[in-house]
Amino acid sequence: MEAVRKMKGGKCEEAVQLLRDANMRYKNEPEAAFNVQMASFLDL
């Protein structure tokens, strides 16, 4: 996942923004929204 690469590269703010954007994009699709939320908990 791109957010993980950014976190490892020290670009935490960019990683957080990617996850927020993905969460907003997929918030109406239950399975996709759940996956994005789980990824954000694992990354951060």
PDB file of N, CA and C in Angstrom:
ATOM      1  N   MET A   1       0.842  -1.177   0.000  1.00  0.00           N
ATOM      2  CA  MET A   1       0.000   0.000   0.000  1.00  0.00           C
ATOM      3  C   MET A   1       0.888   1.241   0.000  1.00  0.00           C
ATOM      4  N   GLU A   2       0.471   2.209  -0.750  1.00  0.00           N
ATOM      5  CA  GLU A   2       1.238   3.440  -0.898  1.00  0.00           C
ATOM      6  C   GLU A   2       1.425   4.162   0.433  1.00  0.00           C
ATOM      7  N   ALA A   3       0.422   4.131   1.281  1.00  0.00           N
ATOM      8  CA  ALA A   3       0.524   4.818   2.572  1.00  0.00           C
ATOM      9  C   ALA A   3       1.638   4.224   3.427  1.00  0.00           C
ATOM     10  N   VAL A   4       1.822   2.931   3.371  1.00  0.00           N
ATOM     11  CA  VAL A   4       2.881   2.278   4.146  1.00  0.00           C
ATOM     12  C   VAL A   4       4.241   2.735   3.643  1.00  0.00           C
ATOM     13  N   ARG A   5       4.404   2.804   2.332  1.00  0.00           N
ATOM     14  CA  ARG A   5       5.681   3.264   1.765  1.00  0.00           C
ATOM     15  C   ARG A   5       5.982   4.692   2.202  1.00  0.00           C
ATOM     16  N   LYS A   6       4.957   5.529   2.205  1.00  0.00           N
ATOM     17  CA  LYS A   6       5.165   6.915   2.617  1.00  0.00           C
ATOM     18  C   LYS A   6       5.527   7.007   4.100  1.00  0.00           C
ATOM     19  N   MET A   7       4.881   6.191   4.921  1.00  0.00           N
ATOM     20  CA  MET A   7       5.204   6.179   6.353  1.00  0.00           C
ATOM     21  C   MET A   7       6.651   5.757   6.569  1.00  0.00           C
ATOM     22  N   LYS A   8       7.060   4.702   5.888  1.00  0.00           N
ATOM     23  CA  LYS A   8       8.434   4.211   6.030  1.00  0.00           C
ATOM     24  C   LYS A   8       9.442   5.221   5.502  1.00  0.00           C
ATOM     25  N   GLY A   9       9.027   6.011   4.525  1.00  0.00           N
ATOM     26  CA  GLY A   9       9.899   7.031   3.955  1.00  0.00           C
ATOM     27  C   GLY A   9       9.893   8.328   4.736  1.00  0.00           C
ATOM     28  N   GLY A  10       9.168   8.365   5.855  1.00  0.00           N
ATOM     29  CA  GLY A  10       9.146   9.555   6.698  1.00  0.00           C
ATOM     30  C   GLY A  10       8.154  10.618   6.263  1.00  0.00           C
ATOM     31  N   LYS A  11       7.265  10.276   5.368  1.00  0.00           N
ATOM     32  CA  LYS A  11       6.272  11.241   4.883  1.00  0.00           C
ATOM     33  C   LYS A  11       4.916  10.930   5.508  1.00  0.00           C
ATOM     34  N   CYS A  12       4.848  11.088   6.808  1.00  0.00           N
ATOM     35  CA  CYS A  12       3.649  10.704   7.559  1.00  0.00           C
ATOM     36  C   CYS A  12       2.421  11.509   7.167  1.00  0.00           C
ATOM     37  N   GLU A  13       2.585  12.801   6.979  1.00  0.00           N
ATOM     38  CA  GLU A  13       1.437  13.642   6.630  1.00  0.00           C
ATOM     39  C   GLU A  13       0.837  13.218   5.292  1.00  0.00           C
ATOM     40  N   GLU A  14       1.688  12.874   4.334  1.00  0.00           N
ATOM     41  CA  GLU A  14       1.191  12.421   3.033  1.00  0.00           C
ATOM     42  C   GLU A  14       0.457  11.089   3.168  1.00  0.00           C
ATOM     43  N   ALA A  15       0.970  10.212   4.021  1.00  0.00           N
ATOM     44  CA  ALA A  15       0.325   8.914   4.240  1.00  0.00           C
ATOM     45  C   ALA A  15      -1.051   9.104   4.859  1.00  0.00           C
ATOM     46  N   VAL A  16      -1.137   9.974   5.843  1.00  0.00           N
ATOM     47  CA  VAL A  16      -2.420  10.237   6.491  1.00  0.00           C
ATOM     48  C   VAL A  16      -3.409  10.812   5.483  1.00  0.00           C
ATOM     49  N   GLN A  17      -2.946  11.714   4.641  1.00  0.00           N
ATOM     50  CA  GLN A  17      -3.830  12.309   3.638  1.00  0.00           C
ATOM     51  C   GLN A  17      -4.322  11.262   2.646  1.00  0.00           C
ATOM     52  N   LEU A  18      -3.447  10.342   2.235  1.00  0.00           N
ATOM     53  CA  LEU A  18      -3.869   9.257   1.338  1.00  0.00           C
ATOM     54  C   LEU A  18      -4.980   8.425   1.968  1.00  0.00           C
ATOM     55  N   LEU A  19      -4.807   8.088   3.236  1.00  0.00           N
ATOM     56  CA  LEU A  19      -5.813   7.276   3.926  1.00  0.00           C
ATOM     57  C   LEU A  19      -7.124   8.037   4.100  1.00  0.00           C
ATOM     58  N   ARG A  20      -7.040   9.317   4.398  1.00  0.00           N
ATOM     59  CA  ARG A  20      -8.264  10.124   4.527  1.00  0.00           C
ATOM     60  C   ARG A  20      -9.001  10.208   3.196  1.00  0.00           C
ATOM     61  N   ASP A  21      -8.241  10.441   2.128  1.00  0.00           N
ATOM     62  CA  ASP A  21      -8.860  10.518   0.797  1.00  0.00           C
ATOM     63  C   ASP A  21      -9.536   9.201   0.429  1.00  0.00           C
ATOM     64  N   ALA A  22      -8.854   8.097   0.701  1.00  0.00           N
ATOM     65  CA  ALA A  22      -9.426   6.781   0.395  1.00  0.00           C
ATOM     66  C   ALA A  22     -10.677   6.535   1.224  1.00  0.00           C
ATOM     67  N   ASN A  23     -10.641   6.941   2.483  1.00  0.00           N
ATOM     68  CA  ASN A  23     -11.806   6.759   3.350  1.00  0.00           C
ATOM     69  C   ASN A  23     -13.011   7.536   2.820  1.00  0.00           C
ATOM     70  N   MET A  24     -12.783   8.759   2.378  1.00  0.00           N
ATOM     71  CA  MET A  24     -13.880   9.564   1.827  1.00  0.00           C
ATOM     72  C   MET A  24     -14.381   8.968   0.504  1.00  0.00           C
ATOM     73  N   ARG A  25     -13.473   8.485  -0.319  1.00  0.00           N
ATOM     74  CA  ARG A  25     -13.831   7.939  -1.629  1.00  0.00           C
ATOM     75  C   ARG A  25     -14.692   6.691  -1.499  1.00  0.00           C
ATOM     76  N   TYR A  26     -14.386   5.854  -0.502  1.00  0.00           N
ATOM     77  CA  TYR A  26     -15.059   4.561  -0.384  1.00  0.00           C
ATOM     78  C   TYR A  26     -16.037   4.480   0.787  1.00  0.00           C
ATOM     79  N   LYS A  27     -16.411   5.607   1.370  1.00  0.00           N
ATOM     80  CA  LYS A  27     -17.243   5.562   2.575  1.00  0.00           C
ATOM     81  C   LYS A  27     -18.634   4.969   2.337  1.00  0.00           C
ATOM     82  N   ASN A  28     -19.120   4.987   1.110  1.00  0.00           N
ATOM     83  CA  ASN A  28     -20.445   4.432   0.822  1.00  0.00           C
ATOM     84  C   ASN A  28     -20.407   2.968   0.400  1.00  0.00           C
ATOM     85  N   GLU A  29     -19.220   2.393   0.352  1.00  0.00           N
ATOM     86  CA  GLU A  29     -19.061   0.981   0.024  1.00  0.00           C
ATOM     87  C   GLU A  29     -18.561   0.279   1.283  1.00  0.00           C
ATOM     88  N   PRO A  30     -19.434  -0.428   1.989  1.00  0.00           N
ATOM     89  CA  PRO A  30     -19.091  -0.955   3.321  1.00  0.00           C
ATOM     90  C   PRO A  30     -17.808  -1.776   3.382  1.00  0.00           C
ATOM     91  N   GLU A  31     -17.612  -2.690   2.454  1.00  0.00           N
ATOM     92  CA  GLU A  31     -16.416  -3.532   2.531  1.00  0.00           C
ATOM     93  C   GLU A  31     -15.147  -2.718   2.262  1.00  0.00           C
ATOM     94  N   ALA A  32     -15.185  -1.872   1.257  1.00  0.00           N
ATOM     95  CA  ALA A  32     -14.016  -1.049   0.941  1.00  0.00           C
ATOM     96  C   ALA A  32     -13.710  -0.077   2.071  1.00  0.00           C
ATOM     97  N   ALA A  33     -14.737   0.545   2.646  1.00  0.00           N
ATOM     98  CA  ALA A  33     -14.529   1.473   3.757  1.00  0.00           C
ATOM     99  C   ALA A  33     -13.916   0.753   4.952  1.00  0.00           C
ATOM    100  N   PHE A  34     -14.384  -0.446   5.236  1.00  0.00           N
ATOM    101  CA  PHE A  34     -13.833  -1.233   6.342  1.00  0.00           C
ATOM    102  C   PHE A  34     -12.353  -1.525   6.099  1.00  0.00           C
ATOM    103  N   ASN A  35     -12.005  -1.916   4.874  1.00  0.00           N
ATOM    104  CA  ASN A  35     -10.611  -2.218   4.556  1.00  0.00           C
ATOM    105  C   ASN A  35      -9.721  -0.988   4.708  1.00  0.00           C
ATOM    106  N   VAL A  36     -10.198   0.164   4.276  1.00  0.00           N
ATOM    107  CA  VAL A  36      -9.422   1.400   4.418  1.00  0.00           C
ATOM    108  C   VAL A  36      -9.241   1.735   5.888  1.00  0.00           C
ATOM    109  N   GLN A  37     -10.292   1.583   6.687  1.00  0.00           N
ATOM    110  CA  GLN A  37     -10.180   1.874   8.114  1.00  0.00           C
ATOM    111  C   GLN A  37      -9.207   0.923   8.790  1.00  0.00           C
ATOM    112  N   MET A  38      -9.238  -0.342   8.445  1.00  0.00           N
ATOM    113  CA  MET A  38      -8.303  -1.311   9.035  1.00  0.00           C
ATOM    114  C   MET A  38      -6.871  -0.977   8.629  1.00  0.00           C
ATOM    115  N   ALA A  39      -6.668  -0.578   7.390  1.00  0.00           N
ATOM    116  CA  ALA A  39      -5.322  -0.208   6.934  1.00  0.00           C
ATOM    117  C   ALA A  39      -4.814   1.006   7.692  1.00  0.00           C
ATOM    118  N   SER A  40      -5.694   1.960   7.969  1.00  0.00           N
ATOM    119  CA  SER A  40      -5.246   3.153   8.688  1.00  0.00           C
ATOM    120  C   SER A  40      -4.847   2.806  10.114  1.00  0.00           C
ATOM    121  N   PHE A  41      -5.527   1.859  10.740  1.00  0.00           N
ATOM    122  CA  PHE A  41      -5.141   1.451  12.093  1.00  0.00           C
ATOM    123  C   PHE A  41      -3.807   0.717  12.075  1.00  0.00           C
ATOM    124  N   LEU A  42      -3.578  -0.096  11.054  1.00  0.00           N
ATOM    125  CA  LEU A  42      -2.331  -0.852  10.964  1.00  0.00           C
ATOM    126  C   LEU A  42      -1.153   0.046  10.634  1.00  0.00           C
ATOM    127  N   ASP A  43      -1.359   1.031   9.769  1.00  0.00           N
ATOM    128  CA  ASP A  43      -0.267   1.901   9.343  1.00  0.00           C
ATOM    129  C   ASP A  43       0.164   2.861  10.435  1.00  0.00           C
ATOM    130  N   LEU A  44      -0.799   3.358  11.177  1.00  0.00           N
ATOM    131  CA  LEU A  44      -0.476   4.387  12.151  1.00  0.00           C
ATOM    132  C   LEU A  44      -0.269   3.743  13.484  1.00  0.00           C
TER     133      LEU A  44
END
